[in-house]
Amino acid sequence: MSGLVWLDGRIGPLDEARIDPGDRGFLLGDGIFETMRVVNGHPPLIELHLDRLAEGARLLRLSPPHRRELCQAITETIAANRLRDGALRLTLTRGPGPRGLLPPEETQETVLIATFPSTPTLPAVNLHISRQIRHGDTILSRVKTLNYLPSILARMEAQDAGADDALLLNQAGRLACASAATLVALRGDRLVTPPLSDGALPGIGRRRLLASGLCIEQEVARDLPDVRAAWLLNALSLRVVRSVGHRQFSPDRDWTARIRQCAHPA
């Protein structure tokens, strides 16, 4: 995390930033977040990220700041950190409240914006099938909430199995997504990705692939039948899948370039 953060209307040093101990995001995971790529000092897909943030806030009955204010805060935070290429995370919580589950009638949401330097290109991954379940019939599978425990446990399971990451199944035993990424698979000459109803998160790169016509939604069984290549895609990276369990896949450089060009524009 870079040295300066934007917290509730003010940019200041990271080591001086303070979150209320009664903040519901800290105590209960009551909040959402967005992670964005920064390219040449600008997040190229900011409007799509703010659309998803607004939809998540609506579903969870949160009140985010006005979009123009968020855009200005993001611009100021990137400039303050002199960030050219890297990442930015916007976190929105319901703010502080009394003890208990119900929020107060009047809330004061907490907004935190932090930036991160760019990281090296990530290598191909070996995947493990997790015991954690994605429930596609709940709204929480479609919102980037602050509670990532299933994904954390899935990633720990993968590490214990000697893998790099994990794939999560839905309640019907079909593949939904990875711990923090969309699954994209090449079936014949067609890219496919699990539908939202199977527990997939509505990723921004995923949305662009579908809108472009490069990819379609299709159920994916856990043994990935007829799949000859696969990738993990999120806002920050595209990773080639080397294996899922004992199943090996061959890299496809042409499709990798096409996916990256569509999902990660400059």
Protein backbone atom coordinates (compact mmCIF):
# COMPACT_ATOMS: atom_id res chain seq x y z
CA MET A 1 0.00 0.00 0.00
CA SER A 2 1.33 3.43 -0.94
CA GLY A 3 2.10 6.14 1.60
CA LEU A 4 -1.00 8.35 1.28
CA VAL A 5 -4.65 7.29 1.56
CA TRP A 6 -8.00 9.04 1.14
CA LEU A 7 -10.19 8.53 4.20
CA ASP A 8 -13.59 10.21 4.59
CA GLY A 9 -12.78 13.32 2.61
CA ARG A 10 -9.15 13.81 3.52
CA ILE A 11 -5.83 12.60 2.11
CA GLY A 12 -3.22 11.82 4.71
CA PRO A 13 -0.32 9.50 5.61
CA LEU A 14 -1.17 5.82 5.80
CA ASP A 15 0.32 5.49 9.28
CA GLU A 16 -1.96 8.25 10.57
CA ALA A 17 -5.22 6.89 9.09
CA ARG A 18 -7.69 5.78 11.76
CA ILE A 19 -10.86 3.70 11.45
CA ASP A 20 -13.43 3.93 14.26
CA PRO A 21 -13.18 0.74 16.41
CA GLY A 22 -16.98 0.53 16.16
CA ASP A 23 -16.95 0.55 12.35
CA ARG A 24 -19.28 -2.17 11.08
CA GLY A 25 -16.95 -2.98 8.22
CA PHE A 26 -14.26 -3.96 10.72
CA LEU A 27 -16.58 -5.67 13.20
CA LEU A 28 -19.08 -7.37 10.88
CA GLY A 29 -17.75 -7.21 7.32
CA ASP A 30 -20.61 -4.80 6.58
CA GLY A 31 -19.33 -3.19 3.42
CA ILE A 32 -18.12 -3.60 -0.14
CA PHE A 33 -15.03 -2.78 -2.18
CA GLU A 34 -13.70 -2.34 -5.71
CA THR A 35 -10.17 -2.97 -6.96
CA MET A 36 -9.10 -1.17 -10.13
CA ARG A 37 -6.05 -1.19 -12.38
CA VAL A 38 -4.23 2.11 -12.79
CA VAL A 39 -2.58 2.67 -16.18
CA ASN A 40 -0.65 5.85 -16.98
CA GLY A 41 -2.08 7.49 -13.88
CA HIS A 42 -5.71 6.64 -14.62
CA PRO A 43 -8.08 3.70 -13.93
CA PRO A 44 -9.29 2.95 -17.49
CA LEU A 45 -12.46 1.09 -16.43
CA ILE A 46 -13.48 3.37 -13.58
CA GLU A 47 -17.06 3.84 -14.81
CA LEU A 48 -17.71 0.08 -14.87
CA HIS A 49 -16.25 -0.30 -11.38
CA LEU A 50 -18.38 2.54 -10.02
CA ASP A 51 -21.45 1.01 -11.69
CA ARG A 52 -20.79 -2.24 -9.85
CA LEU A 53 -20.11 -0.40 -6.59
CA ALA A 54 -23.43 1.43 -6.94
CA GLU A 55 -25.28 -1.82 -7.60
CA GLY A 56 -23.63 -3.52 -4.63
CA ALA A 57 -24.49 -0.54 -2.42
CA ARG A 58 -28.09 -0.70 -3.59
CA LEU A 59 -28.37 -4.40 -2.80
CA LEU A 60 -26.85 -3.94 0.67
CA ARG A 61 -28.70 -0.66 1.38
CA LEU A 62 -25.52 1.38 1.65
CA SER A 63 -25.26 5.06 0.72
CA PRO A 64 -22.06 5.74 -1.23
CA PRO A 65 -20.87 9.29 -1.94
CA HIS A 66 -21.91 10.86 -5.22
CA ARG A 67 -20.07 9.41 -8.23
CA ARG A 68 -18.47 12.75 -9.07
CA GLU A 69 -17.04 12.98 -5.55
CA LEU A 70 -15.66 9.44 -5.78
CA CYS A 71 -14.05 10.17 -9.15
CA GLN A 72 -12.43 13.29 -7.74
CA ALA A 73 -11.21 11.42 -4.65
CA ILE A 74 -9.73 8.66 -6.82
CA THR A 75 -7.97 11.19 -9.07
CA GLU A 76 -6.55 13.06 -6.07
CA THR A 77 -5.32 9.87 -4.38
CA ILE A 78 -3.53 8.65 -7.51
CA ALA A 79 -1.93 12.07 -7.99
CA ALA A 80 -0.91 12.38 -4.34
CA ASN A 81 0.92 9.06 -4.56
CA ARG A 82 2.41 9.89 -7.99
CA LEU A 83 1.22 6.50 -9.17
CA ARG A 84 1.65 5.76 -12.87
CA ASP A 85 0.90 2.04 -13.03
CA GLY A 86 -0.50 -0.16 -10.29
CA ALA A 87 -3.78 -0.67 -8.50
CA LEU A 88 -6.34 1.17 -6.43
CA ARG A 89 -8.80 -0.16 -3.87
CA LEU A 90 -11.96 1.67 -2.84
CA THR A 91 -13.57 0.39 0.36
CA LEU A 92 -17.05 1.44 1.49
CA THR A 93 -18.45 0.41 4.89
CA ARG A 94 -21.69 1.26 6.68
CA GLY A 95 -19.59 3.14 9.22
CA PRO A 96 -19.74 3.02 13.03
CA GLY A 97 -22.79 1.80 14.89
CA PRO A 98 -23.98 0.41 18.22
CA ARG A 99 -23.39 -3.18 19.28
CA GLY A 100 -25.64 -5.66 17.49
CA LEU A 101 -26.56 -6.60 13.95
CA LEU A 102 -29.04 -3.89 13.02
CA PRO A 103 -27.44 -0.66 11.81
CA PRO A 104 -28.45 2.70 13.25
CA GLU A 105 -31.28 4.56 11.53
CA GLU A 106 -28.82 7.23 10.40
CA THR A 107 -25.46 6.00 9.15
CA GLN A 108 -22.21 7.73 8.34
CA GLU A 109 -20.48 5.53 5.77
CA THR A 110 -16.71 5.14 5.81
CA VAL A 111 -14.84 5.52 2.50
CA LEU A 112 -11.19 4.51 2.19
CA ILE A 113 -9.14 4.76 -1.03
CA ALA A 114 -5.64 3.31 -1.19
CA THR A 115 -3.18 2.72 -4.01
CA PHE A 116 -0.64 -0.01 -4.64
CA PRO A 117 2.41 -0.20 -6.93
CA SER A 118 2.40 -2.53 -9.92
CA THR A 119 3.42 -6.15 -9.41
CA PRO A 120 5.34 -8.50 -11.71
CA THR A 121 3.43 -10.57 -14.25
CA LEU A 122 2.10 -13.63 -12.46
CA PRO A 123 3.04 -17.12 -13.69
CA ALA A 124 0.69 -19.92 -14.77
CA VAL A 125 -1.26 -21.53 -11.95
CA ASN A 126 -1.96 -25.01 -10.68
CA LEU A 127 -5.47 -25.20 -9.21
CA HIS A 128 -7.15 -27.20 -6.48
CA ILE A 129 -10.88 -27.90 -6.15
CA SER A 130 -11.97 -26.41 -2.83
CA ARG A 131 -14.48 -27.70 -0.30
CA GLN A 132 -15.91 -24.17 -0.01
CA ILE A 133 -19.25 -23.59 -1.76
CA ARG A 134 -20.53 -20.63 -3.79
CA HIS A 135 -24.29 -20.19 -3.48
CA GLY A 136 -25.46 -18.69 -6.75
CA ASP A 137 -28.99 -18.11 -5.49
CA THR A 138 -27.93 -15.45 -2.94
CA ILE A 139 -27.22 -11.79 -3.64
CA LEU A 140 -23.93 -12.08 -1.73
CA SER A 141 -22.44 -14.13 -4.57
CA ARG A 142 -22.90 -11.07 -6.82
CA VAL A 143 -21.43 -8.44 -4.51
CA LYS A 144 -17.79 -7.80 -3.54
CA THR A 145 -18.39 -7.75 0.20
CA LEU A 146 -15.72 -7.30 2.85
CA ASN A 147 -16.27 -10.87 4.06
CA TYR A 148 -13.93 -13.07 2.01
CA LEU A 149 -13.65 -15.97 4.45
CA PRO A 150 -14.75 -18.68 1.97
CA SER A 151 -12.10 -17.48 -0.49
CA ILE A 152 -9.47 -17.21 2.24
CA LEU A 153 -10.19 -20.77 3.38
CA ALA A 154 -10.19 -21.98 -0.22
CA ARG A 155 -6.79 -20.40 -0.85
CA MET A 156 -5.43 -21.99 2.36
CA GLU A 157 -6.75 -25.38 1.22
CA ALA A 158 -4.97 -24.89 -2.10
CA GLN A 159 -1.72 -24.06 -0.35
CA ASP A 160 -2.03 -27.19 1.80
CA ALA A 161 -2.54 -29.23 -1.38
CA GLY A 162 0.55 -27.74 -3.02
CA ALA A 163 -1.50 -25.67 -5.50
CA ASP A 164 -1.42 -21.95 -6.27
CA ASP A 165 -5.14 -21.18 -6.09
CA ALA A 166 -8.53 -22.84 -5.71
CA LEU A 167 -11.68 -23.27 -7.74
CA LEU A 168 -14.98 -23.14 -5.88
CA LEU A 169 -18.02 -25.24 -6.75
CA ASN A 170 -21.63 -24.18 -6.43
CA GLN A 171 -24.28 -26.14 -4.53
CA ALA A 172 -24.94 -28.31 -7.61
CA GLY A 173 -21.28 -29.32 -7.91
CA ARG A 174 -20.48 -27.17 -10.96
CA LEU A 175 -17.56 -24.76 -11.15
CA ALA A 176 -18.34 -21.17 -10.15
CA CYS A 177 -15.09 -19.21 -9.94
CA ALA A 178 -11.64 -19.10 -8.36
CA SER A 179 -10.93 -17.64 -4.93
CA ALA A 180 -10.56 -14.13 -6.36
CA ALA A 181 -10.98 -14.44 -10.11
CA THR A 182 -13.32 -15.37 -12.94
CA LEU A 183 -12.80 -18.74 -14.61
CA VAL A 184 -12.59 -18.55 -18.42
CA ALA A 185 -12.27 -21.78 -20.40
CA LEU A 186 -11.70 -22.60 -24.07
CA ARG A 187 -14.15 -25.28 -25.15
CA GLY A 188 -13.44 -26.14 -28.77
CA ASP A 189 -13.12 -22.72 -30.43
CA ARG A 190 -15.42 -20.92 -27.98
CA LEU A 191 -14.59 -19.16 -24.72
CA VAL A 192 -17.01 -19.96 -21.92
CA THR A 193 -17.43 -18.78 -18.34
CA PRO A 194 -19.83 -20.00 -15.62
CA PRO A 195 -23.13 -18.07 -15.42
CA LEU A 196 -23.94 -15.79 -12.49
CA SER A 197 -26.66 -18.24 -11.45
CA ASP A 198 -23.91 -20.79 -10.78
CA GLY A 199 -22.21 -18.47 -8.29
CA ALA A 200 -19.83 -16.51 -10.52
CA LEU A 201 -19.06 -12.96 -9.44
CA PRO A 202 -19.95 -10.34 -12.11
CA GLY A 203 -16.34 -9.41 -12.85
CA ILE A 204 -15.51 -6.36 -14.94
CA GLY A 205 -13.22 -8.25 -17.33
CA ARG A 206 -15.84 -11.00 -17.57
CA ARG A 207 -18.44 -8.39 -18.48
CA ARG A 208 -16.24 -7.00 -21.26
CA LEU A 209 -15.56 -10.46 -22.70
CA LEU A 210 -19.28 -11.24 -22.81
CA ALA A 211 -20.18 -7.86 -24.31
CA SER A 212 -17.53 -8.27 -27.03
CA GLY A 213 -18.92 -11.63 -28.11
CA LEU A 214 -15.60 -13.37 -27.41
CA CYS A 215 -17.14 -15.36 -24.57
CA ILE A 216 -20.50 -16.87 -23.62
CA GLU A 217 -21.99 -18.03 -20.35
CA GLN A 218 -22.13 -21.80 -20.04
CA GLU A 219 -22.20 -24.30 -17.19
CA VAL A 220 -18.79 -25.84 -16.50
CA ALA A 221 -18.55 -29.25 -14.81
CA ARG A 222 -15.82 -29.80 -12.24
CA ASP A 223 -13.84 -32.09 -14.59
CA LEU A 224 -13.89 -29.38 -17.32
CA PRO A 225 -15.04 -31.66 -20.17
CA ASP A 226 -13.83 -30.72 -23.68
CA VAL A 227 -11.80 -27.81 -22.24
CA ARG A 228 -8.37 -27.42 -23.84
CA ALA A 229 -7.18 -24.20 -22.15
CA ALA A 230 -8.25 -22.07 -19.20
CA TRP A 231 -7.48 -18.76 -17.49
CA LEU A 232 -8.15 -16.89 -14.26
CA LEU A 233 -9.19 -13.28 -14.86
CA ASN A 234 -9.69 -10.39 -12.46
CA ALA A 235 -9.27 -6.62 -12.49
CA LEU A 236 -5.50 -6.81 -12.07
CA SER A 237 -4.31 -9.94 -13.82
CA LEU A 238 -4.85 -12.67 -16.37
CA ARG A 239 -3.25 -15.99 -15.43
CA VAL A 240 -2.95 -19.08 -17.57
CA VAL A 241 -4.16 -22.27 -15.88
CA ARG A 242 -1.53 -25.01 -16.02
CA SER A 243 -3.53 -27.68 -14.23
CA VAL A 244 -6.63 -28.47 -12.17
CA GLY A 245 -5.77 -31.36 -9.91
CA HIS A 246 -4.19 -34.00 -12.16
CA ARG A 247 -5.70 -32.51 -15.33
CA GLN A 248 -3.13 -30.65 -17.45
CA PHE A 249 -3.82 -27.85 -19.93
CA SER A 250 -1.78 -26.41 -22.76
CA PRO A 251 -1.27 -22.64 -22.99
CA ASP A 252 -2.80 -20.83 -25.95
CA ARG A 253 -0.87 -17.63 -26.62
CA ASP A 254 -3.27 -16.30 -29.23
CA TRP A 255 -6.31 -16.57 -26.97
CA THR A 256 -4.33 -15.21 -24.03
CA ALA A 257 -3.51 -12.08 -26.02
CA ARG A 258 -7.11 -11.68 -27.20
CA ILE A 259 -8.51 -12.02 -23.68
CA ARG A 260 -5.99 -9.56 -22.26
CA GLN A 261 -6.62 -6.99 -24.98
CA CYS A 262 -10.37 -7.10 -24.35
CA ALA A 263 -10.42 -7.35 -20.55
CA HIS A 264 -7.45 -5.10 -19.71
CA PRO A 265 -7.49 -2.07 -22.03
CA ALA A 266 -4.86 0.62 -21.58
